[in-house]
Amino acid sequence: MAIPHAPFGLRFLRVPYDWWRQRDPFAQDFLVALALTVPAFVPNSSRIGGQIGDLPQQPQNALTLVLVLAQILPAAARRRWPASTLAVAAVAFAVHQALGFPTTFASLGLYLTLYTAGAHQVRHRREAVLALSGGYAVLALVLNSLGSPRAFLDYLAFYLFLAAFWLGGRTVRKHRTQEADRRRLAAEVARATERARIARELHDVVTHHVTAMVIQADAAQFLLASAPERAGESMTHVSDTGRRALTDLRHLLGVLEATGETASAGRTVEGDRSPTLGEVGDLVEQTRRSGQPVAFTEQGERRAQSLEVELAAYRVVQEALTNAVKYAAGQRTHVRLRHAGEHTEITVTTGGTPGAPTAEGALREGGGRGLGGLHARVTMLDGRFEAGPRPEGGFEVRATLPFQPRQA
């Protein structure tokens, strides 16, 4: 569906907004201070501002100009030095009030620096509040001694008015801190999740290949005396398996390095080389070379799915075959893939006698890896995972993964 274009007026405003966002904070603060300084010298707006003393007005002079500029120009550095700019603006405002000079638009600088200090002051915040409150109390006493007609409630109301700007900045600071904590926590969770994922990948790769190498090496040692030519074939399989293990480990190390930069980069690296359902046949053949009798059947039309689903399906078969080699060496194993319309079913059964310890060994794999890691991986994809001994003997691993089309 086409998205309607923004009205011309909104597009017109977007240009200066984008330009403003591209300026650094110091330049923004300088422009704000400059914009607030100009009205202080325009006749129609110069007398708009804060006033608390109501003392008889005194004629303006050079000191008036200095105090006007001192109330507003420090705002140009308000985010760089919030406490200092507030102190200068507050002192200038107090002296301006005590000398009875006319109300000035520059007094808005006090409100702006109050808000900024509440939002950006990092250290000695409580001391700053106490100093400002004490200074305001002294100003109220001085104004009262100079004949100000203001009553106590007037001073209290103006104090609360000023405090509202500080509290507004404090609220913004609190929200900003909470948002930063939320992003930090989300990043930590993402890193922990990625580390756990890579740990599962390392477990799957290392356990499978090392198990196959150990079985093949044991077979070669057994055949050295009786059939030397077959022993050499077994050692060739050991070498091939070792090379595949090194290739997979280099791939995972690349994922780990990319994860240090961005999680999405890690997924991109993984997506380039991650095993898929189309490689299950190679996995079965590799297991056969380890001496495990494995049958493989595939039903239905295989369609390209998301990398996460295909990798999870591959790891289910890989872990099940690894457990079969480790705990049920020589037992007949059957790998079945069934591609239905909305899901893919993976079933790996290993023969055995009822009550055999082979299934117990597979089930004891823990620490978030092995069968437990597969259960978590499949569940995260909204699939179902089951593993356990069969009543007639042996062991079965079954997983159902929903179909997720691969993104272009």
Protein backbone atom coordinates (compact mmCIF):
# COMPACT_ATOMS: atom_id res chain seq x y z
CA MET A 1 0.00 0.00 0.00
CA ALA A 2 1.40 3.40 -0.93
CA ILE A 3 2.19 5.79 1.91
CA PRO A 4 0.77 9.26 1.31
CA HIS A 5 3.27 12.10 1.11
CA ALA A 6 3.46 14.52 3.99
CA PRO A 7 1.77 17.88 3.44
CA PHE A 8 3.98 20.56 1.96
CA GLY A 9 4.03 22.47 5.26
CA LEU A 10 5.35 19.48 7.18
CA ARG A 11 7.99 18.79 4.53
CA PHE A 12 9.01 22.44 4.72
CA LEU A 13 9.46 22.19 8.49
CA ARG A 14 11.41 18.96 8.16
CA VAL A 15 14.34 20.73 6.52
CA PRO A 16 15.20 23.08 9.40
CA TYR A 17 14.49 20.28 11.90
CA ASP A 18 17.00 17.96 10.22
CA TRP A 19 19.50 20.81 10.03
CA TRP A 20 19.04 21.46 13.76
CA ARG A 21 19.51 17.80 14.69
CA GLN A 22 22.80 17.73 12.81
CA ARG A 23 24.32 20.53 14.91
CA ASP A 24 26.41 19.64 17.94
CA PRO A 25 25.01 20.49 21.43
CA PHE A 26 27.29 23.48 21.95
CA ALA A 27 26.18 25.05 18.65
CA GLN A 28 22.54 24.41 19.51
CA ASP A 29 22.91 26.03 22.94
CA PHE A 30 24.70 29.02 21.39
CA LEU A 31 21.90 29.56 18.89
CA VAL A 32 19.26 29.29 21.64
CA ALA A 33 21.10 31.84 23.79
CA LEU A 34 21.43 34.16 20.81
CA ALA A 35 17.74 33.79 19.98
CA LEU A 36 16.78 34.70 23.56
CA THR A 37 19.20 37.64 23.67
CA VAL A 38 17.69 39.48 20.71
CA PRO A 39 14.19 39.97 22.27
CA ALA A 40 15.85 41.48 25.36
CA PHE A 41 16.72 44.53 23.22
CA VAL A 42 13.50 44.74 21.21
CA PRO A 43 11.16 47.39 22.71
CA ASN A 44 7.95 45.36 22.46
CA SER A 45 9.41 42.29 24.19
CA SER A 46 12.24 43.59 26.34
CA ARG A 47 9.98 44.15 29.40
CA ILE A 48 8.58 40.60 29.36
CA GLY A 49 10.23 38.38 31.95
CA GLY A 50 10.54 37.32 35.57
CA GLN A 51 10.10 39.84 38.38
CA ILE A 52 10.00 39.31 42.15
CA GLY A 53 11.29 42.47 43.85
CA ASP A 54 8.89 45.14 42.51
CA LEU A 55 11.26 47.83 43.81
CA PRO A 56 11.08 51.33 42.42
CA GLN A 57 12.59 51.25 38.94
CA GLN A 58 16.03 52.72 38.50
CA PRO A 59 17.29 54.24 35.26
CA GLN A 60 19.22 51.90 33.01
CA ASN A 61 22.98 52.26 32.63
CA ALA A 62 26.00 50.28 31.53
CA LEU A 63 25.61 47.90 34.50
CA THR A 64 22.09 47.11 33.28
CA LEU A 65 23.48 45.93 29.96
CA VAL A 66 26.07 43.76 31.72
CA LEU A 67 23.44 42.15 33.96
CA VAL A 68 21.07 41.53 31.04
CA LEU A 69 23.79 39.79 29.05
CA ALA A 70 24.96 37.86 32.11
CA GLN A 71 21.48 36.40 32.59
CA ILE A 72 21.13 34.99 29.08
CA LEU A 73 24.51 34.53 27.38
CA PRO A 74 25.79 31.84 29.79
CA ALA A 75 23.03 29.62 28.39
CA ALA A 76 25.32 29.13 25.37
CA ALA A 77 27.34 26.68 27.50
CA ARG A 78 24.50 25.37 29.63
CA ARG A 79 24.95 21.67 28.78
CA ARG A 80 28.74 21.80 28.96
CA TRP A 81 28.88 23.53 32.35
CA PRO A 82 25.36 23.43 33.81
CA ALA A 83 26.29 24.41 37.38
CA SER A 84 28.51 27.31 36.36
CA THR A 85 26.04 28.78 33.87
CA LEU A 86 23.25 28.52 36.46
CA ALA A 87 25.38 30.25 39.08
CA VAL A 88 26.19 33.17 36.73
CA ALA A 89 22.57 33.56 35.59
CA ALA A 90 21.22 33.34 39.16
CA VAL A 91 23.66 35.92 40.55
CA ALA A 92 22.98 38.29 37.65
CA PHE A 93 19.22 37.89 38.16
CA ALA A 94 19.53 38.54 41.91
CA VAL A 95 21.64 41.68 41.45
CA HIS A 96 19.30 42.90 38.70
CA GLN A 97 16.32 42.52 41.06
CA ALA A 98 18.07 44.09 44.05
CA LEU A 99 19.13 47.19 42.06
CA GLY A 100 15.56 47.72 40.84
CA PHE A 101 16.31 47.64 37.13
CA PRO A 102 13.31 47.13 34.80
CA THR A 103 12.07 43.65 33.99
CA THR A 104 14.00 42.07 31.13
CA PHE A 105 13.36 39.24 28.72
CA ALA A 106 16.84 37.98 29.57
CA SER A 107 15.49 36.70 32.91
CA LEU A 108 14.28 33.65 30.96
CA GLY A 109 17.90 32.58 31.03
CA LEU A 110 17.46 31.73 34.73
CA TYR A 111 14.59 29.36 33.94
CA LEU A 112 16.52 27.75 31.09
CA THR A 113 19.69 27.18 33.13
CA LEU A 114 17.63 25.85 36.06
CA TYR A 115 16.05 23.25 33.81
CA THR A 116 19.40 22.39 32.26
CA ALA A 117 21.09 21.93 35.63
CA GLY A 118 18.27 19.66 36.76
CA ALA A 119 18.67 17.58 33.59
CA HIS A 120 22.45 17.53 33.09
CA GLN A 121 24.25 18.30 36.34
CA VAL A 122 26.03 15.09 37.36
CA ARG A 123 27.84 15.78 40.64
CA HIS A 124 26.90 17.69 43.78
CA ARG A 125 23.25 17.95 42.85
CA ARG A 126 22.04 18.11 46.46
CA GLU A 127 24.63 20.75 47.31
CA ALA A 128 23.49 22.80 44.29
CA VAL A 129 19.85 22.68 45.46
CA LEU A 130 20.85 23.79 48.96
CA ALA A 131 23.02 26.60 47.61
CA LEU A 132 20.25 27.86 45.31
CA SER A 133 17.65 27.70 48.06
CA GLY A 134 19.94 29.53 50.47
CA GLY A 135 20.74 32.16 47.87
CA TYR A 136 17.05 32.70 47.16
CA ALA A 137 16.35 33.12 50.89
CA VAL A 138 19.09 35.77 51.09
CA LEU A 139 17.63 37.54 48.03
CA ALA A 140 14.17 37.56 49.62
CA LEU A 141 15.59 39.11 52.81
CA VAL A 142 17.51 41.73 50.83
CA LEU A 143 14.47 42.68 48.76
CA ASN A 144 12.33 42.90 51.87
CA SER A 145 14.89 45.16 53.57
CA LEU A 146 14.94 47.39 50.46
CA GLY A 147 11.20 47.95 50.74
CA SER A 148 9.73 45.32 48.42
CA PRO A 149 5.91 45.12 48.77
CA ARG A 150 5.98 41.33 48.29
CA ALA A 151 4.68 39.13 51.10
CA PHE A 152 6.05 35.77 52.27
CA LEU A 153 3.58 33.81 50.14
CA ASP A 154 4.71 35.73 47.05
CA TYR A 155 8.31 34.69 47.66
CA LEU A 156 7.21 31.12 48.34
CA ALA A 157 5.15 30.97 45.13
CA PHE A 158 8.06 32.28 43.04
CA TYR A 159 10.39 29.77 44.71
CA LEU A 160 8.05 26.92 43.80
CA PHE A 161 7.83 28.31 40.28
CA LEU A 162 11.61 28.19 39.97
CA ALA A 163 11.72 24.72 41.55
CA ALA A 164 9.34 23.46 38.86
CA PHE A 165 12.01 24.08 36.21
CA TRP A 166 14.61 22.13 38.21
CA LEU A 167 12.15 19.28 38.78
CA GLY A 168 11.27 19.25 35.08
CA GLY A 169 14.92 18.79 34.22
CA ARG A 170 15.27 16.17 36.96
CA THR A 171 12.36 14.21 35.48
CA VAL A 172 13.95 14.28 32.04
CA ARG A 173 17.27 13.14 33.55
CA LYS A 174 15.56 10.27 35.37
CA HIS A 175 13.79 9.14 32.21
CA ARG A 176 17.03 9.35 30.23
CA THR A 177 18.86 7.30 32.87
CA GLN A 178 16.14 4.66 32.88
CA GLU A 179 16.23 4.46 29.09
CA ALA A 180 20.02 4.07 29.15
CA ASP A 181 19.71 1.32 31.76
CA ARG A 182 17.05 -0.41 29.66
CA ARG A 183 19.27 -0.31 26.57
CA ARG A 184 22.26 -1.55 28.57
CA LEU A 185 20.23 -4.41 30.02
CA ALA A 186 18.87 -5.30 26.58
CA ALA A 187 22.42 -5.32 25.21
CA GLU A 188 23.59 -7.56 28.06
CA VAL A 189 20.71 -9.97 27.46
CA ALA A 190 21.47 -10.00 23.73
CA ARG A 191 25.15 -10.72 24.42
CA ALA A 192 24.28 -13.49 26.89
CA THR A 193 21.85 -15.02 24.41
CA GLU A 194 24.43 -14.89 21.65
CA ARG A 195 27.08 -16.44 23.90
CA ALA A 196 24.68 -19.25 24.82
CA ARG A 197 23.86 -19.80 21.15
CA ILE A 198 27.53 -19.97 20.20
CA ALA A 199 28.20 -22.32 23.13
CA ARG A 200 25.48 -24.64 21.80
CA GLU A 201 26.97 -24.44 18.33
CA LEU A 202 30.44 -25.27 19.66
CA HIS A 203 29.02 -28.20 21.62
CA ASP A 204 27.19 -29.54 18.57
CA VAL A 205 30.18 -29.19 16.26
CA VAL A 206 32.91 -30.38 18.63
CA THR A 207 30.95 -33.24 20.16
CA HIS A 208 29.83 -34.62 16.82
CA HIS A 209 33.18 -34.43 15.05
CA VAL A 210 35.30 -35.53 18.01
CA THR A 211 32.99 -38.47 18.70
CA ALA A 212 33.25 -39.55 15.07
CA MET A 213 37.04 -39.20 15.15
CA VAL A 214 37.35 -41.26 18.34
CA ILE A 215 35.19 -44.06 16.91
CA GLN A 216 37.09 -44.07 13.63
CA ALA A 217 40.47 -44.03 15.38
CA ASP A 218 39.44 -46.92 17.65
CA ALA A 219 38.30 -48.88 14.61
CA ALA A 220 41.61 -48.21 12.85
CA GLN A 221 43.55 -49.42 15.86
CA PHE A 222 41.46 -52.59 15.96
CA LEU A 223 42.01 -53.23 12.24
CA LEU A 224 45.75 -52.62 12.20
CA ALA A 225 46.57 -56.29 12.78
CA SER A 226 43.69 -58.00 10.95
CA ALA A 227 43.01 -55.67 7.99
CA PRO A 228 45.67 -52.96 7.53
CA GLU A 229 44.11 -51.66 4.32
CA ARG A 230 40.83 -50.95 6.12
CA ALA A 231 42.73 -49.31 8.96
CA GLY A 232 44.19 -46.85 6.47
CA GLU A 233 40.68 -46.09 5.22
CA SER A 234 39.55 -45.40 8.78
CA MET A 235 42.45 -43.02 9.34
CA THR A 236 41.49 -41.23 6.12
CA HIS A 237 38.01 -40.76 7.57
CA VAL A 238 39.60 -39.40 10.76
CA SER A 239 41.56 -36.88 8.70
CA ASP A 240 38.47 -35.83 6.72
CA THR A 241 36.41 -35.45 9.90
CA GLY A 242 39.16 -33.38 11.51
CA ARG A 243 39.27 -31.03 8.51
CA ARG A 244 35.49 -30.58 8.65
CA ALA A 245 35.76 -29.85 12.37
CA LEU A 246 38.43 -27.21 11.75
CA THR A 247 36.30 -25.61 9.03
CA ASP A 248 33.26 -25.43 11.31
CA LEU A 249 35.34 -24.07 14.19
CA ARG A 250 36.81 -21.34 11.99
CA HIS A 251 33.28 -20.43 10.95
CA LEU A 252 32.15 -20.21 14.57
CA LEU A 253 35.16 -18.10 15.49
CA GLY A 254 34.18 -15.73 12.69
CA VAL A 255 30.67 -15.57 14.13
CA LEU A 256 32.13 -14.86 17.56
CA GLU A 257 34.27 -12.01 16.23
CA ALA A 258 31.34 -10.52 14.32
CA THR A 259 29.15 -10.79 17.44
CA GLY A 260 31.60 -8.52 19.23
CA GLU A 261 30.59 -5.78 16.80
CA THR A 262 26.88 -6.39 16.17
CA ALA A 263 24.53 -9.29 16.65
CA SER A 264 23.19 -8.82 13.16
CA ALA A 265 26.68 -9.14 11.73
CA GLY A 266 27.02 -12.45 13.49
CA ARG A 267 23.83 -13.69 11.96
CA THR A 268 25.02 -12.61 8.55
CA VAL A 269 28.25 -14.55 8.92
CA GLU A 270 26.38 -17.56 10.15
CA GLY A 271 23.87 -17.31 7.33
CA ASP A 272 26.68 -17.62 4.79
CA ARG A 273 27.87 -21.04 5.97
CA SER A 274 25.32 -22.54 8.34
CA PRO A 275 24.39 -26.16 7.52
CA THR A 276 20.90 -26.73 6.12
CA LEU A 277 18.45 -29.56 5.67
CA GLY A 278 20.02 -30.31 2.30
CA GLU A 279 23.20 -31.40 4.11
CA VAL A 280 21.51 -33.99 6.35
CA GLY A 281 22.35 -36.67 3.78
CA ASP A 282 26.06 -35.80 4.06
CA LEU A 283 25.76 -35.95 7.84
CA VAL A 284 24.21 -39.41 7.65
CA GLU A 285 26.95 -40.60 5.29
CA GLN A 286 29.63 -39.28 7.62
CA THR A 287 28.06 -41.18 10.53
CA ARG A 288 27.97 -44.36 8.44
CA ARG A 289 31.71 -44.05 7.87
CA SER A 290 32.10 -44.07 11.64
CA GLY A 291 30.66 -47.57 11.63
CA GLN A 292 27.12 -46.74 12.70
CA PRO A 293 24.40 -48.38 10.54
CA VAL A 294 22.13 -45.44 9.62
CA ALA A 295 19.10 -45.44 7.33
CA PHE A 296 17.78 -42.17 5.91
CA THR A 297 14.35 -41.46 4.46
CA GLU A 298 12.88 -38.14 3.37
CA GLN A 299 9.23 -37.60 2.51
CA GLY A 300 7.52 -34.62 0.95
CA GLU A 301 8.85 -31.68 -1.01
CA ARG A 302 11.70 -29.84 0.65
CA ARG A 303 11.28 -26.07 0.45
CA ALA A 304 13.77 -23.36 1.37
CA GLN A 305 13.10 -22.24 4.93
CA SER A 306 14.59 -19.61 7.21
CA LEU A 307 18.19 -20.21 8.24
CA GLU A 308 17.17 -20.55 11.89
CA VAL A 309 14.72 -23.37 11.13
CA GLU A 310 17.07 -25.26 8.81
CA LEU A 311 19.97 -24.95 11.23
CA ALA A 312 17.81 -26.17 14.12
CA ALA A 313 16.64 -29.17 12.09
CA TYR A 314 20.21 -30.01 11.12
CA ARG A 315 21.37 -29.76 14.75
CA VAL A 316 18.57 -32.09 15.90
CA VAL A 317 19.75 -34.79 13.49
CA GLN A 318 23.40 -34.11 14.32
CA GLU A 319 22.91 -34.38 18.09
CA ALA A 320 20.75 -37.50 17.76
CA LEU A 321 23.37 -39.23 15.58
CA THR A 322 26.15 -38.16 17.94
CA ASN A 323 24.31 -39.71 20.88
CA ALA A 324 23.68 -42.85 18.85
CA VAL A 325 27.40 -43.22 18.14
CA LYS A 326 28.36 -42.42 21.75
CA TYR A 327 25.79 -44.47 23.63
CA ALA A 328 24.52 -47.06 21.12
CA ALA A 329 27.44 -47.88 18.88
CA GLY A 330 26.51 -50.51 16.31
CA GLN A 331 22.75 -50.21 16.89
CA ARG A 332 20.60 -49.56 13.85
CA THR A 333 19.61 -45.92 13.56
CA HIS A 334 16.91 -44.41 11.34
CA VAL A 335 16.67 -40.75 10.37
CA ARG A 336 13.30 -39.63 8.97
CA LEU A 337 12.47 -36.21 7.54
CA ARG A 338 8.88 -35.46 6.63
CA HIS A 339 8.02 -32.16 4.96
CA ALA A 340 4.36 -31.34 5.53
CA GLY A 341 2.57 -28.20 4.40
CA GLU A 342 3.09 -26.11 7.51
CA HIS A 343 5.83 -27.94 9.38
CA THR A 344 8.81 -30.26 9.14
CA GLU A 345 9.05 -33.38 11.27
CA ILE A 346 12.40 -34.88 12.26
CA THR A 347 12.53 -38.33 13.86
CA VAL A 348 15.72 -40.19 14.77
CA THR A 349 15.33 -43.65 16.33
CA THR A 350 18.10 -45.88 17.64
CA GLY A 351 17.63 -49.56 18.33
CA GLY A 352 18.35 -51.24 21.63
CA THR A 353 16.94 -53.40 24.37
CA PRO A 354 14.42 -52.13 26.97
CA GLY A 355 16.11 -50.53 29.99
CA ALA A 356 19.46 -50.18 28.27
CA PRO A 357 21.68 -47.42 29.73
CA THR A 358 22.17 -45.82 26.32
CA ALA A 359 19.09 -43.64 26.57
CA GLU A 360 19.95 -42.61 30.10
CA GLY A 361 23.35 -41.39 28.95
CA ALA A 362 21.80 -39.20 26.28
CA LEU A 363 19.22 -37.77 28.65
CA ARG A 364 21.89 -36.78 31.17
CA GLU A 365 23.39 -34.28 28.74
CA GLY A 366 22.81 -30.99 30.58
CA GLY A 367 24.08 -27.49 31.14
CA GLY A 368 21.84 -26.02 28.44
CA ARG A 369 23.54 -28.11 25.75
CA GLY A 370 22.92 -31.49 24.17
CA LEU A 371 19.28 -32.51 24.20
CA GLY A 372 18.45 -29.73 26.66
CA GLY A 373 19.91 -27.14 24.30
CA LEU A 374 17.96 -28.62 21.40
CA HIS A 375 14.74 -28.36 23.38
CA ALA A 376 15.40 -24.65 24.02
CA ARG A 377 16.35 -24.02 20.39
CA VAL A 378 13.26 -25.73 18.98
CA THR A 379 10.92 -24.10 21.51
CA MET A 380 12.24 -20.63 20.59
CA LEU A 381 11.08 -21.34 17.04
CA ASP A 382 7.57 -22.30 18.27
CA GLY A 383 8.28 -25.96 17.63
CA ARG A 384 7.96 -29.13 19.71
CA PHE A 385 10.78 -31.37 20.91
CA GLU A 386 10.69 -34.77 22.60
CA ALA A 387 13.45 -37.22 23.47
CA GLY A 388 13.41 -40.39 25.51
CA PRO A 389 13.63 -44.19 25.56
CA ARG A 390 11.20 -46.25 23.51
CA PRO A 391 9.08 -48.94 25.20
CA GLU A 392 10.39 -51.59 22.81
CA GLY A 393 13.97 -50.52 23.51
CA GLY A 394 16.32 -47.94 22.11
CA PHE A 395 15.97 -44.21 22.00
CA GLU A 396 14.00 -41.69 19.95
CA VAL A 397 14.41 -37.99 19.27
CA ARG A 398 11.47 -36.21 17.66
CA ALA A 399 11.13 -32.55 16.68
CA THR A 400 8.47 -30.61 14.81
CA LEU A 401 9.42 -27.23 13.38
CA PRO A 402 6.94 -24.79 11.82
CA PHE A 403 7.54 -23.76 8.23
CA GLN A 404 9.09 -20.31 7.95
CA PRO A 405 9.87 -19.14 4.41
CA ARG A 406 13.36 -17.85 3.81
CA GLN A 407 13.60 -14.10 3.42
CA ALA A 408 15.06 -12.86 0.17
